[in-house]
């Protein structure tokens, strides 16, 4: 029987984590099998400022841009604009994917 920490408990403790240094690397990682872990409300410019320029997609029609991120704890996360009809620079709600909820937690910790 594993210990489960409710998401709201983790959210309350974000301020305590903010002072730490989170190492991550953006790039091309195997994200096959990742799925939606949650969303984050922020600007395109803030994401670019934190994670660099995203990968641009044209062929699938479901995403225009995406960041693939690997955190120092081994967590893989993706940030993407799912089925948006506006330009990425105008998107304010971004999907965060990963193999588990740590993807969302790490992304939020970096962005806030």
PDB file of N, CA and C in Angstrom:
ATOM      1  N   UNK A   1       0.855  -1.175   0.000  1.00  0.00           N
ATOM      2  CA  UNK A   1       0.000   0.000   0.000  1.00  0.00           C
ATOM      3  C   UNK A   1       0.898   1.235   0.000  1.00  0.00           C
ATOM      4  N   UNK A   2       0.865   1.977  -1.108  1.00  0.00           N
ATOM      5  CA  UNK A   2       1.712   3.162  -1.248  1.00  0.00           C
ATOM      6  C   UNK A   2       1.080   4.397  -0.640  1.00  0.00           C
ATOM      7  N   UNK A   3       1.897   5.341  -0.334  1.00  0.00           N
ATOM      8  CA  UNK A   3       1.452   6.619   0.207  1.00  0.00           C
ATOM      9  C   UNK A   3       1.066   7.535  -0.944  1.00  0.00           C
ATOM     10  N   UNK A   4      -0.132   8.063  -0.916  1.00  0.00           N
ATOM     11  CA  UNK A   4      -0.594   8.977  -1.954  1.00  0.00           C
ATOM     12  C   UNK A   4      -0.740  10.364  -1.351  1.00  0.00           C
ATOM     13  N   UNK A   5      -0.081  11.340  -1.983  1.00  0.00           N
ATOM     14  CA  UNK A   5      -0.176  12.720  -1.527  1.00  0.00           C
ATOM     15  C   UNK A   5      -1.204  13.423  -2.393  1.00  0.00           C
ATOM     16  N   UNK A   6      -2.265  13.959  -1.806  1.00  0.00           N
ATOM     17  CA  UNK A   6      -3.261  14.662  -2.616  1.00  0.00           C
ATOM     18  C   UNK A   6      -2.635  15.846  -3.346  1.00  0.00           C
ATOM     19  N   UNK A   7      -3.103  16.106  -4.557  1.00  0.00           N
ATOM     20  CA  UNK A   7      -2.562  17.191  -5.370  1.00  0.00           C
ATOM     21  C   UNK A   7      -2.684  18.522  -4.658  1.00  0.00           C
ATOM     22  N   UNK A   8      -3.793  18.784  -3.971  1.00  0.00           N
ATOM     23  CA  UNK A   8      -3.964  20.063  -3.282  1.00  0.00           C
ATOM     24  C   UNK A   8      -2.908  20.252  -2.199  1.00  0.00           C
ATOM     25  N   UNK A   9      -2.463  19.171  -1.578  1.00  0.00           N
ATOM     26  CA  UNK A   9      -1.404  19.271  -0.565  1.00  0.00           C
ATOM     27  C   UNK A   9      -0.086  19.702  -1.217  1.00  0.00           C
ATOM     28  N   UNK A  10       0.218  19.108  -2.349  1.00  0.00           N
ATOM     29  CA  UNK A  10       1.430  19.463  -3.073  1.00  0.00           C
ATOM     30  C   UNK A  10       1.369  20.916  -3.514  1.00  0.00           C
ATOM     31  N   UNK A  11       0.219  21.369  -3.999  1.00  0.00           N
ATOM     32  CA  UNK A  11       0.062  22.751  -4.450  1.00  0.00           C
ATOM     33  C   UNK A  11       0.353  23.730  -3.315  1.00  0.00           C
ATOM     34  N   UNK A  12      -0.092  23.430  -2.120  1.00  0.00           N
ATOM     35  CA  UNK A  12       0.138  24.304  -0.982  1.00  0.00           C
ATOM     36  C   UNK A  12       1.632  24.443  -0.712  1.00  0.00           C
ATOM     37  N   UNK A  13       2.398  23.385  -0.960  1.00  0.00           N
ATOM     38  CA  UNK A  13       3.816  23.384  -0.634  1.00  0.00           C
ATOM     39  C   UNK A  13       4.715  23.912  -1.748  1.00  0.00           C
ATOM     40  N   UNK A  14       4.173  24.358  -2.862  1.00  0.00           N
ATOM     41  CA  UNK A  14       5.002  24.876  -3.939  1.00  0.00           C
ATOM     42  C   UNK A  14       5.893  26.025  -3.490  1.00  0.00           C
ATOM     43  N   UNK A  15       5.378  26.894  -2.635  1.00  0.00           N
ATOM     44  CA  UNK A  15       6.174  28.036  -2.200  1.00  0.00           C
ATOM     45  C   UNK A  15       7.425  27.585  -1.463  1.00  0.00           C
ATOM     46  N   UNK A  16       7.372  26.467  -0.781  1.00  0.00           N
ATOM     47  CA  UNK A  16       8.540  25.959  -0.069  1.00  0.00           C
ATOM     48  C   UNK A  16       9.569  25.399  -1.046  1.00  0.00           C
ATOM     49  N   UNK A  17       9.136  24.940  -2.209  1.00  0.00           N
ATOM     50  CA  UNK A  17      10.029  24.362  -3.201  1.00  0.00           C
ATOM     51  C   UNK A  17      10.635  25.429  -4.098  1.00  0.00           C
ATOM     52  N   UNK A  18      10.073  26.615  -4.144  1.00  0.00           N
ATOM     53  CA  UNK A  18      10.464  27.615  -5.137  1.00  0.00           C
ATOM     54  C   UNK A  18      11.913  28.046  -5.029  1.00  0.00           C
ATOM     55  N   UNK A  19      12.492  28.026  -3.873  1.00  0.00           N
ATOM     56  CA  UNK A  19      13.859  28.492  -3.716  1.00  0.00           C
ATOM     57  C   UNK A  19      14.921  27.539  -4.242  1.00  0.00           C
ATOM     58  N   UNK A  20      14.540  26.309  -4.576  1.00  0.00           N
ATOM     59  CA  UNK A  20      15.533  25.333  -5.017  1.00  0.00           C
ATOM     60  C   UNK A  20      15.873  25.500  -6.488  1.00  0.00           C
ATOM     61  N   UNK A  21      16.972  24.937  -6.882  1.00  0.00           N
ATOM     62  CA  UNK A  21      17.385  24.960  -8.279  1.00  0.00           C
ATOM     63  C   UNK A  21      16.893  23.673  -8.926  1.00  0.00           C
ATOM     64  N   UNK A  22      16.100  23.799  -9.991  1.00  0.00           N
ATOM     65  CA  UNK A  22      15.617  22.631 -10.714  1.00  0.00           C
ATOM     66  C   UNK A  22      16.386  22.540 -12.017  1.00  0.00           C
ATOM     67  N   UNK A  23      17.116  21.492 -12.203  1.00  0.00           N
ATOM     68  CA  UNK A  23      17.844  21.299 -13.447  1.00  0.00           C
ATOM     69  C   UNK A  23      16.980  20.529 -14.425  1.00  0.00           C
ATOM     70  N   UNK A  24      16.982  20.967 -15.655  1.00  0.00           N
ATOM     71  CA  UNK A  24      16.241  20.283 -16.701  1.00  0.00           C
ATOM     72  C   UNK A  24      16.933  20.529 -18.025  1.00  0.00           C
ATOM     73  N   UNK A  25      16.611  19.685 -18.984  1.00  0.00           N
ATOM     74  CA  UNK A  25      17.154  19.825 -20.323  1.00  0.00           C
ATOM     75  C   UNK A  25      15.999  19.659 -21.294  1.00  0.00           C
ATOM     76  N   UNK A  26      15.883  20.581 -22.242  1.00  0.00           N
ATOM     77  CA  UNK A  26      14.876  20.428 -23.280  1.00  0.00           C
ATOM     78  C   UNK A  26      15.534  19.762 -24.483  1.00  0.00           C
ATOM     79  N   UNK A  27      14.756  19.019 -25.230  1.00  0.00           N
ATOM     80  CA  UNK A  27      15.309  18.341 -26.392  1.00  0.00           C
ATOM     81  C   UNK A  27      14.345  17.319 -26.936  1.00  0.00           C
ATOM     82  N   UNK A  28      14.858  16.415 -27.712  1.00  0.00           N
ATOM     83  CA  UNK A  28      14.050  15.366 -28.305  1.00  0.00           C
ATOM     84  C   UNK A  28      14.162  14.111 -27.432  1.00  0.00           C
ATOM     85  N   UNK A  29      13.124  13.833 -26.679  1.00  0.00           N
ATOM     86  CA  UNK A  29      13.082  12.659 -25.813  1.00  0.00           C
ATOM     87  C   UNK A  29      11.975  11.740 -26.284  1.00  0.00           C
ATOM     88  N   UNK A  30      12.062  10.477 -25.894  1.00  0.00           N
ATOM     89  CA  UNK A  30      11.024   9.519 -26.239  1.00  0.00           C
ATOM     90  C   UNK A  30       9.804   9.812 -25.368  1.00  0.00           C
ATOM     91  N   UNK A  31       8.830  10.467 -25.950  1.00  0.00           N
ATOM     92  CA  UNK A  31       7.625  10.833 -25.220  1.00  0.00           C
ATOM     93  C   UNK A  31       6.451   9.930 -25.586  1.00  0.00           C
ATOM     94  N   UNK A  32       6.732   8.871 -26.337  1.00  0.00           N
ATOM     95  CA  UNK A  32       5.694   7.920 -26.720  1.00  0.00           C
ATOM     96  C   UNK A  32       5.110   7.280 -25.459  1.00  0.00           C
ATOM     97  N   UNK A  33       3.810   7.348 -25.312  1.00  0.00           N
ATOM     98  CA  UNK A  33       3.150   6.786 -24.142  1.00  0.00           C
ATOM     99  C   UNK A  33       2.839   7.799 -23.062  1.00  0.00           C
ATOM    100  N   UNK A  34       3.302   9.050 -23.240  1.00  0.00           N
ATOM    101  CA  UNK A  34       2.938  10.063 -22.260  1.00  0.00           C
ATOM    102  C   UNK A  34       1.473  10.429 -22.460  1.00  0.00           C
ATOM    103  N   UNK A  35       0.857  10.949 -21.433  1.00  0.00           N
ATOM    104  CA  UNK A  35      -0.536  11.371 -21.544  1.00  0.00           C
ATOM    105  C   UNK A  35      -0.753  12.619 -20.688  1.00  0.00           C
ATOM    106  N   UNK A  36      -1.885  13.235 -20.886  1.00  0.00           N
ATOM    107  CA  UNK A  36      -2.218  14.469 -20.189  1.00  0.00           C
ATOM    108  C   UNK A  36      -2.187  14.268 -18.678  1.00  0.00           C
ATOM    109  N   UNK A  37      -1.446  15.138 -18.005  1.00  0.00           N
ATOM    110  CA  UNK A  37      -1.383  15.133 -16.540  1.00  0.00           C
ATOM    111  C   UNK A  37      -2.110  16.332 -15.953  1.00  0.00           C
ATOM    112  N   UNK A  38      -2.339  17.371 -16.779  1.00  0.00           N
ATOM    113  CA  UNK A  38      -3.034  18.563 -16.318  1.00  0.00           C
ATOM    114  C   UNK A  38      -2.737  19.727 -17.242  1.00  0.00           C
ATOM    115  N   UNK A  39      -3.172  20.894 -16.855  1.00  0.00           N
ATOM    116  CA  UNK A  39      -2.939  22.094 -17.655  1.00  0.00           C
ATOM    117  C   UNK A  39      -2.301  23.169 -16.791  1.00  0.00           C
ATOM    118  N   UNK A  40      -1.685  24.120 -17.472  1.00  0.00           N
ATOM    119  CA  UNK A  40      -1.089  25.259 -16.789  1.00  0.00           C
ATOM    120  C   UNK A  40      -1.482  26.523 -17.553  1.00  0.00           C
ATOM    121  N   UNK A  41      -1.871  27.541 -16.834  1.00  0.00           N
ATOM    122  CA  UNK A  41      -2.230  28.818 -17.436  1.00  0.00           C
ATOM    123  C   UNK A  41      -1.039  29.758 -17.349  1.00  0.00           C
ATOM    124  N   UNK A  42      -0.476  30.026 -18.501  1.00  0.00           N
ATOM    125  CA  UNK A  42       0.674  30.919 -18.587  1.00  0.00           C
ATOM    126  C   UNK A  42       0.808  31.379 -20.031  1.00  0.00           C
ATOM    127  N   UNK A  43       1.714  32.289 -20.269  1.00  0.00           N
ATOM    128  CA  UNK A  43       1.889  32.820 -21.621  1.00  0.00           C
ATOM    129  C   UNK A  43       2.963  32.048 -22.389  1.00  0.00           C
ATOM    130  N   UNK A  44       2.878  32.132 -23.682  1.00  0.00           N
ATOM    131  CA  UNK A  44       3.890  31.564 -24.579  1.00  0.00           C
ATOM    132  C   UNK A  44       5.256  32.173 -24.248  1.00  0.00           C
ATOM    133  N   UNK A  45       5.293  33.490 -24.079  1.00  0.00           N
ATOM    134  CA  UNK A  45       6.556  34.176 -23.794  1.00  0.00           C
ATOM    135  C   UNK A  45       7.204  33.680 -22.501  1.00  0.00           C
ATOM    136  N   UNK A  46       6.389  33.405 -21.500  1.00  0.00           N
ATOM    137  CA  UNK A  46       6.937  32.897 -20.238  1.00  0.00           C
ATOM    138  C   UNK A  46       7.536  31.507 -20.434  1.00  0.00           C
ATOM    139  N   UNK A  47       6.855  30.658 -21.207  1.00  0.00           N
ATOM    140  CA  UNK A  47       7.380  29.318 -21.480  1.00  0.00           C
ATOM    141  C   UNK A  47       8.683  29.389 -22.277  1.00  0.00           C
ATOM    142  N   UNK A  48       8.723  30.260 -23.279  1.00  0.00           N
ATOM    143  CA  UNK A  48       9.951  30.430 -24.070  1.00  0.00           C
ATOM    144  C   UNK A  48      11.075  30.947 -23.182  1.00  0.00           C
ATOM    145  N   UNK A  49      10.756  31.888 -22.302  1.00  0.00           N
ATOM    146  CA  UNK A  49      11.761  32.431 -21.398  1.00  0.00           C
ATOM    147  C   UNK A  49      12.330  31.382 -20.454  1.00  0.00           C
ATOM    148  N   UNK A  50      11.525  30.425 -20.088  1.00  0.00           N
ATOM    149  CA  UNK A  50      11.966  29.399 -19.136  1.00  0.00           C
ATOM    150  C   UNK A  50      12.576  28.182 -19.822  1.00  0.00           C
ATOM    151  N   UNK A  51      11.942  27.712 -20.918  1.00  0.00           N
ATOM    152  CA  UNK A  51      12.344  26.453 -21.544  1.00  0.00           C
ATOM    153  C   UNK A  51      12.974  26.612 -22.927  1.00  0.00           C
ATOM    154  N   UNK A  52      13.053  27.848 -23.433  1.00  0.00           N
ATOM    155  CA  UNK A  52      13.615  28.051 -24.764  1.00  0.00           C
ATOM    156  C   UNK A  52      12.558  27.889 -25.849  1.00  0.00           C
ATOM    157  N   UNK A  53      13.003  27.962 -27.089  1.00  0.00           N
ATOM    158  CA  UNK A  53      12.068  27.860 -28.209  1.00  0.00           C
ATOM    159  C   UNK A  53      11.519  26.444 -28.311  1.00  0.00           C
ATOM    160  N   UNK A  54      10.219  26.324 -28.625  1.00  0.00           N
ATOM    161  CA  UNK A  54       9.611  24.993 -28.743  1.00  0.00           C
ATOM    162  C   UNK A  54       9.893  24.363 -30.103  1.00  0.00           C
ATOM    163  N   UNK A  55       9.580  23.086 -30.183  1.00  0.00           N
ATOM    164  CA  UNK A  55       9.564  22.396 -31.463  1.00  0.00           C
ATOM    165  C   UNK A  55       8.281  22.813 -32.172  1.00  0.00           C
ATOM    166  N   UNK A  56       8.349  23.040 -33.470  1.00  0.00           N
ATOM    167  CA  UNK A  56       7.172  23.437 -34.243  1.00  0.00           C
ATOM    168  C   UNK A  56       6.652  22.242 -35.028  1.00  0.00           C
ATOM    169  N   UNK A  57       5.333  22.053 -34.979  1.00  0.00           N
ATOM    170  CA  UNK A  57       4.689  20.977 -35.721  1.00  0.00           C
ATOM    171  C   UNK A  57       3.747  21.564 -36.743  1.00  0.00           C
ATOM    172  N   UNK A  58       3.650  20.949 -37.877  1.00  0.00           N
ATOM    173  CA  UNK A  58       2.717  21.389 -38.900  1.00  0.00           C
ATOM    174  C   UNK A  58       1.823  20.245 -39.373  1.00  0.00           C
ATOM    175  N   UNK A  59       2.325  19.014 -39.324  1.00  0.00           N
ATOM    176  CA  UNK A  59       1.662  17.915 -39.994  1.00  0.00           C
ATOM    177  C   UNK A  59       0.455  17.310 -39.283  1.00  0.00           C
ATOM    178  N   UNK A  60       0.421  17.268 -37.972  1.00  0.00           N
ATOM    179  CA  UNK A  60      -0.673  16.549 -37.313  1.00  0.00           C
ATOM    180  C   UNK A  60      -1.943  17.367 -37.121  1.00  0.00           C
ATOM    181  N   UNK A  61      -1.837  18.678 -37.114  1.00  0.00           N
ATOM    182  CA  UNK A  61      -3.019  19.517 -36.963  1.00  0.00           C
ATOM    183  C   UNK A  61      -3.564  19.602 -35.548  1.00  0.00           C
ATOM    184  N   UNK A  62      -3.004  18.861 -34.613  1.00  0.00           N
ATOM    185  CA  UNK A  62      -3.489  18.891 -33.237  1.00  0.00           C
ATOM    186  C   UNK A  62      -2.643  19.764 -32.336  1.00  0.00           C
ATOM    187  N   UNK A  63      -1.369  19.887 -32.652  1.00  0.00           N
ATOM    188  CA  UNK A  63      -0.492  20.778 -31.893  1.00  0.00           C
ATOM    189  C   UNK A  63       0.330  21.606 -32.864  1.00  0.00           C
ATOM    190  N   UNK A  64       0.577  22.844 -32.476  1.00  0.00           N
ATOM    191  CA  UNK A  64       1.416  23.727 -33.279  1.00  0.00           C
ATOM    192  C   UNK A  64       2.838  23.769 -32.737  1.00  0.00           C
ATOM    193  N   UNK A  65       2.959  23.735 -31.405  1.00  0.00           N
ATOM    194  CA  UNK A  65       4.264  23.776 -30.750  1.00  0.00           C
ATOM    195  C   UNK A  65       4.279  22.834 -29.557  1.00  0.00           C
ATOM    196  N   UNK A  66       5.503  22.412 -29.189  1.00  0.00           N
ATOM    197  CA  UNK A  66       5.648  21.508 -28.050  1.00  0.00           C
ATOM    198  C   UNK A  66       7.053  21.633 -27.480  1.00  0.00           C
ATOM    199  N   UNK A  67       7.141  21.555 -26.166  1.00  0.00           N
ATOM    200  CA  UNK A  67       8.417  21.465 -25.478  1.00  0.00           C
ATOM    201  C   UNK A  67       8.526  20.054 -24.918  1.00  0.00           C
ATOM    202  N   UNK A  68       9.669  19.415 -25.081  1.00  0.00           N
ATOM    203  CA  UNK A  68       9.974  18.132 -24.450  1.00  0.00           C
ATOM    204  C   UNK A  68      11.068  18.404 -23.431  1.00  0.00           C
ATOM    205  N   UNK A  69      10.804  18.037 -22.190  1.00  0.00           N
ATOM    206  CA  UNK A  69      11.687  18.407 -21.087  1.00  0.00           C
ATOM    207  C   UNK A  69      12.017  17.172 -20.257  1.00  0.00           C
ATOM    208  N   UNK A  70      13.277  17.050 -19.882  1.00  0.00           N
ATOM    209  CA  UNK A  70      13.683  16.008 -18.943  1.00  0.00           C
ATOM    210  C   UNK A  70      14.253  16.690 -17.712  1.00  0.00           C
ATOM    211  N   UNK A  71      13.640  16.430 -16.564  1.00  0.00           N
ATOM    212  CA  UNK A  71      14.069  17.027 -15.308  1.00  0.00           C
ATOM    213  C   UNK A  71      15.152  16.174 -14.662  1.00  0.00           C
ATOM    214  N   UNK A  72      15.896  16.775 -13.734  1.00  0.00           N
ATOM    215  CA  UNK A  72      17.018  16.063 -13.112  1.00  0.00           C
ATOM    216  C   UNK A  72      16.582  14.850 -12.304  1.00  0.00           C
ATOM    217  N   UNK A  73      15.321  14.749 -11.949  1.00  0.00           N
ATOM    218  CA  UNK A  73      14.833  13.563 -11.236  1.00  0.00           C
ATOM    219  C   UNK A  73      14.429  12.451 -12.210  1.00  0.00           C
ATOM    220  N   UNK A  74      14.652  12.679 -13.519  1.00  0.00           N
ATOM    221  CA  UNK A  74      14.323  11.682 -14.535  1.00  0.00           C
ATOM    222  C   UNK A  74      12.942  11.837 -15.136  1.00  0.00           C
ATOM    223  N   UNK A  75      12.136  12.737 -14.610  1.00  0.00           N
ATOM    224  CA  UNK A  75      10.785  12.943 -15.106  1.00  0.00           C
ATOM    225  C   UNK A  75      10.807  13.554 -16.504  1.00  0.00           C
ATOM    226  N   UNK A  76      10.013  12.986 -17.389  1.00  0.00           N
ATOM    227  CA  UNK A  76       9.829  13.516 -18.736  1.00  0.00           C
ATOM    228  C   UNK A  76       8.502  14.267 -18.765  1.00  0.00           C
ATOM    229  N   UNK A  77       8.517  15.463 -19.328  1.00  0.00           N
ATOM    230  CA  UNK A  77       7.294  16.260 -19.450  1.00  0.00           C
ATOM    231  C   UNK A  77       7.197  16.843 -20.851  1.00  0.00           C
ATOM    232  N   UNK A  78       5.975  17.035 -21.299  1.00  0.00           N
ATOM    233  CA  UNK A  78       5.714  17.732 -22.552  1.00  0.00           C
ATOM    234  C   UNK A  78       4.757  18.878 -22.257  1.00  0.00           C
ATOM    235  N   UNK A  79       4.966  19.986 -22.923  1.00  0.00           N
ATOM    236  CA  UNK A  79       4.042  21.124 -22.834  1.00  0.00           C
ATOM    237  C   UNK A  79       3.612  21.405 -24.261  1.00  0.00           C
ATOM    238  N   UNK A  80       2.304  21.490 -24.508  1.00  0.00           N
ATOM    239  CA  UNK A  80       1.831  21.630 -25.881  1.00  0.00           C
ATOM    240  C   UNK A  80       0.480  22.334 -25.934  1.00  0.00           C
ATOM    241  N   UNK A  81       0.175  22.875 -27.104  1.00  0.00           N
ATOM    242  CA  UNK A  81      -1.078  23.601 -27.329  1.00  0.00           C
ATOM    243  C   UNK A  81      -2.058  22.685 -28.073  1.00  0.00           C
ATOM    244  N   UNK A  82      -2.834  21.928 -27.355  1.00  0.00           N
ATOM    245  CA  UNK A  82      -3.714  20.912 -27.918  1.00  0.00           C
ATOM    246  C   UNK A  82      -4.934  21.524 -28.622  1.00  0.00           C
ATOM    247  N   UNK A  83      -4.988  21.308 -29.920  1.00  0.00           N
ATOM    248  CA  UNK A  83      -6.126  21.700 -30.758  1.00  0.00           C
ATOM    249  C   UNK A  83      -6.489  23.181 -30.647  1.00  0.00           C
ATOM    250  N   UNK A  84      -5.506  24.024 -30.515  1.00  0.00           N
ATOM    251  CA  UNK A  84      -5.739  25.468 -30.475  1.00  0.00           C
ATOM    252  C   UNK A  84      -5.886  26.002 -31.894  1.00  0.00           C
ATOM    253  N   UNK A  85      -6.761  26.978 -32.051  1.00  0.00           N
ATOM    254  CA  UNK A  85      -6.965  27.589 -33.371  1.00  0.00           C
ATOM    255  C   UNK A  85      -6.275  28.950 -33.474  1.00  0.00           C
ATOM    256  N   UNK A  86      -5.802  29.472 -32.357  1.00  0.00           N
ATOM    257  CA  UNK A  86      -5.085  30.750 -32.370  1.00  0.00           C
ATOM    258  C   UNK A  86      -3.588  30.478 -32.446  1.00  0.00           C
ATOM    259  N   UNK A  87      -2.828  31.484 -32.794  1.00  0.00           N
ATOM    260  CA  UNK A  87      -1.370  31.372 -32.852  1.00  0.00           C
ATOM    261  C   UNK A  87      -0.823  31.022 -31.467  1.00  0.00           C
ATOM    262  N   UNK A  88       0.253  30.249 -31.398  1.00  0.00           N
ATOM    263  CA  UNK A  88       0.819  29.872 -30.096  1.00  0.00           C
ATOM    264  C   UNK A  88       1.103  31.067 -29.185  1.00  0.00           C
ATOM    265  N   UNK A  89       1.479  32.204 -29.760  1.00  0.00           N
ATOM    266  CA  UNK A  89       1.786  33.387 -28.956  1.00  0.00           C
ATOM    267  C   UNK A  89       0.555  33.930 -28.220  1.00  0.00           C
ATOM    268  N   UNK A  90      -0.642  33.478 -28.611  1.00  0.00           N
ATOM    269  CA  UNK A  90      -1.872  33.934 -27.957  1.00  0.00           C
ATOM    270  C   UNK A  90      -2.487  32.887 -27.034  1.00  0.00           C
ATOM    271  N   UNK A  91      -1.910  31.699 -26.985  1.00  0.00           N
ATOM    272  CA  UNK A  91      -2.430  30.633 -26.129  1.00  0.00           C
ATOM    273  C   UNK A  91      -2.097  30.941 -24.672  1.00  0.00           C
ATOM    274  N   UNK A  92      -3.063  30.710 -23.781  1.00  0.00           N
ATOM    275  CA  UNK A  92      -2.821  30.921 -22.349  1.00  0.00           C
ATOM    276  C   UNK A  92      -3.033  29.657 -21.529  1.00  0.00           C
ATOM    277  N   UNK A  93      -3.697  28.641 -22.086  1.00  0.00           N
ATOM    278  CA  UNK A  93      -3.856  27.368 -21.376  1.00  0.00           C
ATOM    279  C   UNK A  93      -3.094  26.286 -22.126  1.00  0.00           C
ATOM    280  N   UNK A  94      -2.100  25.719 -21.463  1.00  0.00           N
ATOM    281  CA  UNK A  94      -1.211  24.740 -22.066  1.00  0.00           C
ATOM    282  C   UNK A  94      -1.403  23.376 -21.421  1.00  0.00           C
ATOM    283  N   UNK A  95      -1.378  22.336 -22.233  1.00  0.00           N
ATOM    284  CA  UNK A  95      -1.458  20.968 -21.736  1.00  0.00           C
ATOM    285  C   UNK A  95      -0.065  20.513 -21.301  1.00  0.00           C
ATOM    286  N   UNK A  96      -0.034  19.756 -20.219  1.00  0.00           N
ATOM    287  CA  UNK A  96       1.221  19.178 -19.739  1.00  0.00           C
ATOM    288  C   UNK A  96       1.037  17.664 -19.729  1.00  0.00           C
ATOM    289  N   UNK A  97       1.909  16.996 -20.454  1.00  0.00           N
ATOM    290  CA  UNK A  97       1.868  15.538 -20.518  1.00  0.00           C
ATOM    291  C   UNK A  97       3.061  14.937 -19.812  1.00  0.00           C
ATOM    292  N   UNK A  98       2.944  13.665 -19.533  1.00  0.00           N
ATOM    293  CA  UNK A  98       4.037  12.943 -18.908  1.00  0.00           C
ATOM    294  C   UNK A  98       3.627  11.522 -18.611  1.00  0.00           C
ATOM    295  N   UNK A  99       4.518  10.790 -17.983  1.00  0.00           N
ATOM    296  CA  UNK A  99       4.234   9.407 -17.600  1.00  0.00           C
ATOM    297  C   UNK A  99       3.546   9.331 -16.238  1.00  0.00           C
ATOM    298  N   UNK A 100       3.652  10.418 -15.453  1.00  0.00           N
ATOM    299  CA  UNK A 100       2.997  10.468 -14.141  1.00  0.00           C
ATOM    300  C   UNK A 100       2.812  11.933 -13.733  1.00  0.00           C
ATOM    301  N   UNK A 101       2.195  12.155 -12.591  1.00  0.00           N
ATOM    302  CA  UNK A 101       1.862  13.521 -12.151  1.00  0.00           C
ATOM    303  C   UNK A 101       3.079  14.383 -11.823  1.00  0.00           C
ATOM    304  N   UNK A 102       4.245  13.769 -11.656  1.00  0.00           N
ATOM    305  CA  UNK A 102       5.453  14.566 -11.394  1.00  0.00           C
ATOM    306  C   UNK A 102       5.777  15.487 -12.567  1.00  0.00           C
ATOM    307  N   UNK A 103       5.352  15.112 -13.767  1.00  0.00           N
ATOM    308  CA  UNK A 103       5.576  15.983 -14.929  1.00  0.00           C
ATOM    309  C   UNK A 103       4.894  17.327 -14.697  1.00  0.00           C
ATOM    310  N   UNK A 104       3.636  17.299 -14.300  1.00  0.00           N
ATOM    311  CA  UNK A 104       2.888  18.533 -14.035  1.00  0.00           C
ATOM    312  C   UNK A 104       3.487  19.290 -12.856  1.00  0.00           C
ATOM    313  N   UNK A 105       3.823  18.596 -11.811  1.00  0.00           N
ATOM    314  CA  UNK A 105       4.391  19.237 -10.618  1.00  0.00           C
ATOM    315  C   UNK A 105       5.694  19.949 -10.966  1.00  0.00           C
ATOM    316  N   UNK A 106       6.574  19.287 -11.707  1.00  0.00           N
ATOM    317  CA  UNK A 106       7.858  19.906 -12.068  1.00  0.00           C
ATOM    318  C   UNK A 106       7.680  21.098 -12.996  1.00  0.00           C
ATOM    319  N   UNK A 107       6.777  20.992 -13.956  1.00  0.00           N
ATOM    320  CA  UNK A 107       6.541  22.117 -14.876  1.00  0.00           C
ATOM    321  C   UNK A 107       5.997  23.311 -14.114  1.00  0.00           C
ATOM    322  N   UNK A 108       5.004  23.095 -13.286  1.00  0.00           N
ATOM    323  CA  UNK A 108       4.436  24.204 -12.502  1.00  0.00           C
ATOM    324  C   UNK A 108       5.507  24.825 -11.619  1.00  0.00           C
ATOM    325  N   UNK A 109       6.336  23.998 -11.015  1.00  0.00           N
ATOM    326  CA  UNK A 109       7.393  24.502 -10.131  1.00  0.00           C
ATOM    327  C   UNK A 109       8.379  25.392 -10.894  1.00  0.00           C
ATOM    328  N   UNK A 110       8.631  25.081 -12.144  1.00  0.00           N
ATOM    329  CA  UNK A 110       9.544  25.890 -12.948  1.00  0.00           C
ATOM    330  C   UNK A 110       8.905  27.180 -13.433  1.00  0.00           C
ATOM    331  N   UNK A 111       7.612  27.141 -13.698  1.00  0.00           N
ATOM    332  CA  UNK A 111       6.950  28.291 -14.324  1.00  0.00           C
ATOM    333  C   UNK A 111       6.497  29.329 -13.312  1.00  0.00           C
ATOM    334  N   UNK A 112       6.082  28.906 -12.115  1.00  0.00           N
ATOM    335  CA  UNK A 112       5.590  29.890 -11.142  1.00  0.00           C
ATOM    336  C   UNK A 112       6.721  30.596 -10.436  1.00  0.00           C
TER     337      UNK A 112
END
